[in-house]
């Protein structure tokens, strides 16, 4: 229950579980949902955290961090020094603005694709995935 409470904070994408300073697991909202769905009654975090943890050192380049995340099938990576000191966490959302659009995994389902925000930002509509033509609002 305590872990679920922490994850309700808007800026907490996950909980990094440490034992004696060493990163030993990660708990995400989906882990909590799975526990609830399975009828768990306030189990210890160690019983459902993801472990072992894929980590990166602070010197990792953005592209390599994205590759590591994709290859491991995870949405975040704890950042850990060579001596085991935990420094923070990097998420997909944090990496996205720094990655080339060519690195994004997009599935095309033959419908026109619109890229843009609902916040009034301009959008681009792409109608042919083989074409580099896009209609941009003037």
N, C-alpha and C. Protein backbone atom coordinates (compact mmCIF):
# COMPACT_ATOMS: atom_id res chain seq x y z
N UNK A 1 0.83 -1.19 0.00
CA UNK A 1 0.00 0.00 0.00
C UNK A 1 0.88 1.26 0.00
N UNK A 2 1.97 1.21 0.72
CA UNK A 2 2.86 2.36 0.77
C UNK A 2 3.46 2.65 -0.61
N UNK A 3 3.84 1.61 -1.34
CA UNK A 3 4.40 1.79 -2.68
C UNK A 3 3.36 2.41 -3.61
N UNK A 4 2.13 1.96 -3.54
CA UNK A 4 1.06 2.51 -4.37
C UNK A 4 0.86 3.99 -4.06
N UNK A 5 0.96 4.36 -2.81
CA UNK A 5 0.83 5.76 -2.42
C UNK A 5 1.90 6.63 -3.04
N UNK A 6 3.14 6.14 -3.07
CA UNK A 6 4.22 6.90 -3.69
C UNK A 6 3.99 7.08 -5.18
N UNK A 7 3.49 6.02 -5.83
CA UNK A 7 3.29 6.08 -7.28
C UNK A 7 2.12 6.97 -7.67
N UNK A 8 1.31 7.38 -6.72
CA UNK A 8 0.22 8.31 -7.02
C UNK A 8 0.71 9.73 -7.21
N UNK A 9 1.95 10.00 -6.84
CA UNK A 9 2.54 11.34 -7.03
C UNK A 9 2.76 11.56 -8.52
N UNK A 10 2.40 12.72 -9.06
CA UNK A 10 2.49 12.96 -10.51
C UNK A 10 3.90 12.82 -11.09
N UNK A 11 4.92 13.09 -10.33
CA UNK A 11 6.29 13.03 -10.84
C UNK A 11 7.01 11.74 -10.52
N UNK A 12 6.28 10.71 -10.13
CA UNK A 12 6.89 9.42 -9.79
C UNK A 12 6.53 8.38 -10.84
N UNK A 13 7.40 8.17 -11.85
CA UNK A 13 7.09 7.17 -12.88
C UNK A 13 7.25 5.75 -12.38
N UNK A 14 8.06 5.57 -11.35
CA UNK A 14 8.33 4.25 -10.80
C UNK A 14 9.07 4.41 -9.49
N UNK A 15 9.12 3.32 -8.75
CA UNK A 15 9.90 3.30 -7.52
C UNK A 15 11.13 2.43 -7.76
N UNK A 16 12.28 2.97 -7.45
CA UNK A 16 13.52 2.20 -7.53
C UNK A 16 13.77 1.65 -6.13
N UNK A 17 13.81 0.33 -6.03
CA UNK A 17 13.97 -0.33 -4.74
C UNK A 17 15.46 -0.57 -4.50
N UNK A 18 15.92 -0.10 -3.33
CA UNK A 18 17.32 -0.27 -2.99
C UNK A 18 17.45 -1.03 -1.67
N UNK A 19 18.50 -1.80 -1.59
CA UNK A 19 18.81 -2.54 -0.37
C UNK A 19 20.26 -2.22 -0.03
N UNK A 20 20.45 -1.47 1.05
CA UNK A 20 21.80 -1.06 1.42
C UNK A 20 22.45 -0.17 0.38
N UNK A 21 21.66 0.59 -0.37
CA UNK A 21 22.18 1.47 -1.40
C UNK A 21 22.21 0.84 -2.78
N UNK A 22 22.20 -0.48 -2.88
CA UNK A 22 22.25 -1.18 -4.16
C UNK A 22 20.85 -1.26 -4.77
N UNK A 23 20.73 -0.94 -6.05
CA UNK A 23 19.44 -1.05 -6.74
C UNK A 23 19.14 -2.52 -6.95
N UNK A 24 18.00 -2.97 -6.39
CA UNK A 24 17.63 -4.38 -6.46
C UNK A 24 16.31 -4.64 -7.18
N UNK A 25 15.55 -3.58 -7.48
CA UNK A 25 14.27 -3.78 -8.16
C UNK A 25 13.64 -2.48 -8.57
N UNK A 26 12.58 -2.60 -9.37
CA UNK A 26 11.79 -1.46 -9.82
C UNK A 26 10.33 -1.84 -9.70
N UNK A 27 9.51 -0.91 -9.22
CA UNK A 27 8.06 -1.11 -9.12
C UNK A 27 7.39 -0.01 -9.94
N UNK A 28 6.49 -0.42 -10.84
CA UNK A 28 5.75 0.53 -11.66
C UNK A 28 4.26 0.44 -11.33
N UNK A 29 3.48 1.36 -11.89
CA UNK A 29 2.04 1.31 -11.69
C UNK A 29 1.47 -0.01 -12.18
N UNK A 30 1.98 -0.52 -13.30
CA UNK A 30 1.46 -1.78 -13.82
C UNK A 30 1.75 -2.94 -12.88
N UNK A 31 2.83 -2.88 -12.14
CA UNK A 31 3.11 -3.92 -11.13
C UNK A 31 2.05 -3.88 -10.04
N UNK A 32 1.67 -2.68 -9.61
CA UNK A 32 0.65 -2.53 -8.57
C UNK A 32 -0.69 -3.03 -9.09
N UNK A 33 -1.03 -2.69 -10.33
CA UNK A 33 -2.29 -3.15 -10.93
C UNK A 33 -2.32 -4.67 -10.98
N UNK A 34 -1.21 -5.28 -11.35
CA UNK A 34 -1.15 -6.75 -11.42
C UNK A 34 -1.37 -7.37 -10.05
N UNK A 35 -0.79 -6.79 -9.01
CA UNK A 35 -0.97 -7.31 -7.65
C UNK A 35 -2.44 -7.23 -7.25
N UNK A 36 -3.07 -6.10 -7.54
CA UNK A 36 -4.48 -5.92 -7.20
C UNK A 36 -5.33 -6.91 -7.98
N UNK A 37 -5.04 -7.06 -9.28
CA UNK A 37 -5.81 -7.98 -10.13
C UNK A 37 -5.69 -9.42 -9.66
N UNK A 38 -4.56 -9.76 -9.10
CA UNK A 38 -4.35 -11.12 -8.62
C UNK A 38 -4.89 -11.31 -7.20
N UNK A 39 -5.51 -10.29 -6.66
CA UNK A 39 -6.10 -10.40 -5.33
C UNK A 39 -5.12 -10.26 -4.20
N UNK A 40 -4.00 -9.61 -4.46
CA UNK A 40 -2.98 -9.43 -3.43
C UNK A 40 -3.50 -8.58 -2.28
N UNK A 41 -3.10 -8.95 -1.08
CA UNK A 41 -3.54 -8.21 0.11
C UNK A 41 -2.33 -7.60 0.80
N UNK A 42 -1.82 -6.52 0.19
CA UNK A 42 -0.71 -5.77 0.75
C UNK A 42 0.57 -6.59 0.90
N UNK A 43 1.03 -7.22 -0.20
CA UNK A 43 2.28 -8.00 -0.12
C UNK A 43 3.50 -7.09 -0.03
N UNK A 44 4.61 -7.66 0.31
CA UNK A 44 5.87 -6.90 0.35
C UNK A 44 6.31 -6.61 -1.09
N UNK A 45 6.92 -5.45 -1.29
CA UNK A 45 7.38 -5.02 -2.60
C UNK A 45 8.31 -6.07 -3.23
N UNK A 46 9.15 -6.69 -2.45
CA UNK A 46 10.10 -7.67 -2.97
C UNK A 46 9.42 -8.83 -3.68
N UNK A 47 8.15 -9.08 -3.37
CA UNK A 47 7.45 -10.22 -3.98
C UNK A 47 6.94 -9.93 -5.39
N UNK A 48 6.89 -8.65 -5.79
CA UNK A 48 6.37 -8.36 -7.13
C UNK A 48 7.19 -7.34 -7.92
N UNK A 49 8.28 -6.84 -7.37
CA UNK A 49 9.10 -5.87 -8.10
C UNK A 49 9.81 -6.57 -9.27
N UNK A 50 10.15 -5.77 -10.28
CA UNK A 50 10.92 -6.29 -11.41
C UNK A 50 12.38 -6.37 -10.99
N UNK A 51 12.95 -7.55 -11.17
CA UNK A 51 14.33 -7.77 -10.77
C UNK A 51 14.85 -8.96 -11.55
N UNK A 52 16.10 -8.97 -11.99
CA UNK A 52 17.14 -7.96 -11.82
C UNK A 52 16.83 -6.72 -12.65
N UNK A 53 17.49 -5.64 -12.31
CA UNK A 53 17.24 -4.34 -12.91
C UNK A 53 18.28 -4.02 -13.97
N UNK A 54 17.80 -3.54 -15.11
CA UNK A 54 18.69 -3.05 -16.16
C UNK A 54 19.01 -1.60 -15.81
N UNK A 55 20.29 -1.27 -15.70
CA UNK A 55 20.70 0.08 -15.33
C UNK A 55 21.66 0.63 -16.38
N UNK A 56 21.93 1.92 -16.26
CA UNK A 56 22.92 2.57 -17.12
C UNK A 56 23.78 3.49 -16.26
N UNK A 57 25.04 3.73 -16.68
CA UNK A 57 25.86 4.71 -15.96
C UNK A 57 25.50 6.12 -16.43
N UNK A 58 25.83 7.14 -15.65
CA UNK A 58 25.51 8.52 -16.01
C UNK A 58 26.13 8.97 -17.33
N UNK A 59 27.19 8.35 -17.78
CA UNK A 59 27.89 8.75 -19.00
C UNK A 59 27.24 8.19 -20.27
N UNK A 60 26.18 7.41 -20.16
CA UNK A 60 25.54 6.79 -21.32
C UNK A 60 24.93 7.84 -22.24
N UNK A 61 25.20 7.72 -23.53
CA UNK A 61 24.63 8.63 -24.51
C UNK A 61 23.13 8.34 -24.66
N UNK A 62 22.37 9.36 -25.04
CA UNK A 62 20.92 9.25 -25.13
C UNK A 62 20.49 8.11 -26.06
N UNK A 63 21.10 8.03 -27.23
CA UNK A 63 20.74 6.98 -28.18
C UNK A 63 21.00 5.59 -27.63
N UNK A 64 22.10 5.42 -26.93
CA UNK A 64 22.42 4.13 -26.34
C UNK A 64 21.46 3.78 -25.21
N UNK A 65 21.05 4.79 -24.45
CA UNK A 65 20.06 4.56 -23.39
C UNK A 65 18.74 4.10 -24.00
N UNK A 66 18.33 4.73 -25.10
CA UNK A 66 17.09 4.34 -25.77
C UNK A 66 17.19 2.91 -26.30
N UNK A 67 18.33 2.57 -26.88
CA UNK A 67 18.54 1.22 -27.38
C UNK A 67 18.47 0.20 -26.25
N UNK A 68 19.11 0.52 -25.15
CA UNK A 68 19.12 -0.40 -24.00
C UNK A 68 17.71 -0.60 -23.46
N UNK A 69 16.95 0.49 -23.40
CA UNK A 69 15.58 0.44 -22.93
C UNK A 69 14.73 -0.45 -23.85
N UNK A 70 14.86 -0.21 -25.16
CA UNK A 70 14.11 -0.99 -26.14
C UNK A 70 14.50 -2.47 -26.08
N UNK A 71 15.79 -2.76 -26.06
CA UNK A 71 16.26 -4.14 -26.05
C UNK A 71 15.81 -4.90 -24.81
N UNK A 72 15.75 -4.19 -23.67
CA UNK A 72 15.35 -4.83 -22.41
C UNK A 72 13.83 -4.86 -22.25
N UNK A 73 13.11 -4.13 -23.11
CA UNK A 73 11.65 -4.10 -23.01
C UNK A 73 11.15 -3.38 -21.76
N UNK A 74 11.86 -2.32 -21.38
CA UNK A 74 11.48 -1.56 -20.18
C UNK A 74 11.21 -0.11 -20.56
N UNK A 75 10.49 0.59 -19.71
CA UNK A 75 10.15 1.97 -19.97
C UNK A 75 10.98 2.96 -19.19
N UNK A 76 11.90 2.45 -18.37
CA UNK A 76 12.77 3.35 -17.62
C UNK A 76 14.03 2.61 -17.22
N UNK A 77 15.06 3.40 -16.97
CA UNK A 77 16.35 2.84 -16.56
C UNK A 77 16.89 3.62 -15.37
N UNK A 78 17.18 2.94 -14.27
CA UNK A 78 17.87 3.62 -13.17
C UNK A 78 19.29 3.96 -13.61
N UNK A 79 19.76 5.11 -13.19
CA UNK A 79 21.11 5.57 -13.50
C UNK A 79 21.97 5.29 -12.27
N UNK A 80 23.03 4.49 -12.47
CA UNK A 80 23.85 4.02 -11.35
C UNK A 80 25.33 4.20 -11.69
N UNK A 81 26.07 4.78 -10.77
CA UNK A 81 27.52 4.94 -10.91
C UNK A 81 28.20 3.57 -10.85
N UNK A 82 29.46 3.51 -11.30
CA UNK A 82 30.23 2.26 -11.28
C UNK A 82 30.35 1.69 -9.87
N UNK A 83 30.35 2.56 -8.86
CA UNK A 83 30.46 2.08 -7.48
C UNK A 83 29.10 1.68 -6.88
N UNK A 84 28.03 1.73 -7.72
CA UNK A 84 26.71 1.33 -7.24
C UNK A 84 25.84 2.46 -6.73
N UNK A 85 26.36 3.69 -6.71
CA UNK A 85 25.61 4.84 -6.21
C UNK A 85 24.47 5.17 -7.17
N UNK A 86 23.26 5.19 -6.65
CA UNK A 86 22.06 5.50 -7.43
C UNK A 86 21.99 7.01 -7.67
N UNK A 87 21.74 7.42 -8.93
CA UNK A 87 21.70 8.84 -9.27
C UNK A 87 20.32 9.33 -9.71
N UNK A 88 19.47 8.42 -10.16
CA UNK A 88 18.16 8.83 -10.64
C UNK A 88 17.63 7.83 -11.65
N UNK A 89 16.61 8.27 -12.40
CA UNK A 89 15.99 7.38 -13.37
C UNK A 89 15.74 8.13 -14.67
N UNK A 90 15.89 7.45 -15.79
CA UNK A 90 15.62 8.00 -17.11
C UNK A 90 14.42 7.24 -17.67
N UNK A 91 13.42 8.00 -18.17
CA UNK A 91 12.21 7.38 -18.73
C UNK A 91 12.16 7.58 -20.24
N UNK A 92 11.26 6.82 -20.89
CA UNK A 92 11.04 7.00 -22.33
C UNK A 92 10.61 8.43 -22.62
N UNK A 93 9.74 8.96 -21.80
CA UNK A 93 9.25 10.32 -22.02
C UNK A 93 10.38 11.34 -21.92
N UNK A 94 11.34 11.10 -21.04
CA UNK A 94 12.47 12.03 -20.89
C UNK A 94 13.41 11.94 -22.08
N UNK A 95 13.55 10.76 -22.68
CA UNK A 95 14.45 10.59 -23.82
C UNK A 95 13.84 11.07 -25.13
N UNK A 96 12.53 10.98 -25.27
CA UNK A 96 11.85 11.24 -26.54
C UNK A 96 12.24 12.56 -27.22
N UNK A 97 12.31 13.68 -26.52
CA UNK A 97 12.64 14.93 -27.21
C UNK A 97 14.05 14.96 -27.81
N UNK A 98 14.92 14.07 -27.38
CA UNK A 98 16.30 14.08 -27.83
C UNK A 98 16.58 13.08 -28.94
N UNK A 99 15.58 12.30 -29.31
CA UNK A 99 15.79 11.26 -30.31
C UNK A 99 15.28 11.70 -31.67
N UNK A 100 15.93 11.24 -32.70
CA UNK A 100 15.52 11.51 -34.07
C UNK A 100 14.18 10.84 -34.33
N UNK A 101 13.37 11.45 -35.19
CA UNK A 101 12.07 10.84 -35.52
C UNK A 101 12.26 9.49 -36.18
N UNK A 102 13.42 9.23 -36.75
CA UNK A 102 13.70 7.95 -37.39
C UNK A 102 13.86 6.83 -36.38
N UNK A 103 14.09 7.16 -35.13
CA UNK A 103 14.26 6.14 -34.09
C UNK A 103 12.94 5.75 -33.46
N UNK A 104 11.88 6.51 -33.77
CA UNK A 104 10.58 6.20 -33.19
C UNK A 104 10.01 4.96 -33.87
N UNK A 105 9.36 4.12 -33.11
CA UNK A 105 8.71 2.94 -33.66
C UNK A 105 7.26 3.29 -33.91
N UNK A 106 6.90 3.43 -35.20
CA UNK A 106 5.54 3.79 -35.57
C UNK A 106 4.98 2.68 -36.42
N UNK A 107 3.78 2.22 -36.10
CA UNK A 107 3.10 1.22 -36.90
C UNK A 107 2.11 1.94 -37.79
N UNK A 108 2.23 1.74 -39.11
CA UNK A 108 1.36 2.40 -40.07
C UNK A 108 0.18 1.49 -40.36
N UNK A 109 -1.04 1.97 -40.19
CA UNK A 109 -2.19 1.12 -40.49
C UNK A 109 -3.04 1.72 -41.60
N UNK A 110 -2.41 2.32 -42.59
CA UNK A 110 -2.96 2.84 -43.83
C UNK A 110 -3.96 3.97 -43.70
N UNK A 111 -4.24 4.42 -42.53
CA UNK A 111 -5.08 5.58 -42.33
C UNK A 111 -4.17 6.81 -42.33
N UNK A 112 -4.69 7.98 -42.69
CA UNK A 112 -3.84 9.17 -42.59
C UNK A 112 -3.33 9.34 -41.16
N UNK A 113 -2.09 9.66 -41.04
CA UNK A 113 -1.45 9.82 -39.74
C UNK A 113 -1.32 11.31 -39.45
N UNK A 114 -1.78 11.75 -38.30
CA UNK A 114 -1.68 13.15 -37.94
C UNK A 114 -0.75 13.27 -36.75
N UNK A 115 0.26 14.09 -36.90
CA UNK A 115 1.21 14.32 -35.82
C UNK A 115 1.00 15.74 -35.32
N UNK A 116 0.80 15.89 -34.05
CA UNK A 116 0.61 17.21 -33.47
C UNK A 116 -0.13 17.08 -32.16
N UNK A 117 -0.17 18.15 -31.41
CA UNK A 117 -0.78 18.10 -30.09
C UNK A 117 -2.19 18.62 -30.09
N UNK A 118 -2.92 18.28 -29.07
CA UNK A 118 -4.28 18.78 -28.89
C UNK A 118 -4.26 20.13 -28.19
N UNK A 119 -3.06 20.62 -27.93
CA UNK A 119 -2.93 21.88 -27.22
C UNK A 119 -2.89 23.09 -28.16
N UNK A 120 -3.38 22.91 -29.40
CA UNK A 120 -3.39 24.00 -30.34
C UNK A 120 -2.14 24.08 -31.20
N UNK A 121 -1.20 23.16 -30.99
CA UNK A 121 0.02 23.15 -31.79
C UNK A 121 -0.32 22.75 -33.21
N UNK A 122 0.48 23.22 -34.16
CA UNK A 122 0.25 22.85 -35.55
C UNK A 122 0.43 21.35 -35.71
N UNK A 123 -0.25 20.78 -36.70
CA UNK A 123 -0.13 19.35 -36.94
C UNK A 123 0.30 19.10 -38.37
N UNK A 124 0.80 17.91 -38.61
CA UNK A 124 1.24 17.47 -39.93
C UNK A 124 0.44 16.24 -40.26
N UNK A 125 -0.10 16.17 -41.48
CA UNK A 125 -0.83 14.97 -41.89
C UNK A 125 -0.04 14.28 -42.97
N UNK A 126 0.24 13.01 -42.78
CA UNK A 126 0.97 12.20 -43.73
C UNK A 126 0.00 11.17 -44.27
N UNK A 127 -0.14 11.09 -45.59
CA UNK A 127 -1.11 10.17 -46.16
C UNK A 127 -0.46 8.98 -46.86
N UNK A 128 0.80 9.05 -47.17
CA UNK A 128 1.48 7.95 -47.86
C UNK A 128 2.78 7.66 -47.14
N UNK A 129 2.90 6.47 -46.52
CA UNK A 129 4.10 6.18 -45.74
C UNK A 129 5.36 6.08 -46.59
N UNK A 130 5.22 5.85 -47.89
CA UNK A 130 6.38 5.74 -48.76
C UNK A 130 6.82 7.10 -49.27
N UNK A 131 6.01 8.11 -49.07
CA UNK A 131 6.30 9.43 -49.58
C UNK A 131 6.86 10.31 -48.47
N UNK A 132 7.76 11.22 -48.85
CA UNK A 132 8.26 12.17 -47.86
C UNK A 132 7.39 13.43 -47.85
N UNK A 133 6.33 13.44 -48.70
CA UNK A 133 5.43 14.59 -48.75
C UNK A 133 4.54 14.60 -47.53
N UNK A 134 4.35 15.75 -46.97
CA UNK A 134 3.44 15.93 -45.84
C UNK A 134 2.73 17.25 -46.04
N UNK A 135 1.48 17.29 -45.64
CA UNK A 135 0.75 18.54 -45.71
C UNK A 135 0.87 19.25 -44.39
N UNK A 136 1.44 20.44 -44.43
CA UNK A 136 1.67 21.21 -43.21
C UNK A 136 0.75 22.43 -43.25
N UNK A 137 0.02 22.70 -42.18
CA UNK A 137 -0.84 23.88 -42.17
C UNK A 137 -0.03 25.14 -42.39
N UNK A 138 -0.63 26.07 -43.11
CA UNK A 138 0.08 27.33 -43.38
C UNK A 138 -0.18 28.33 -42.30
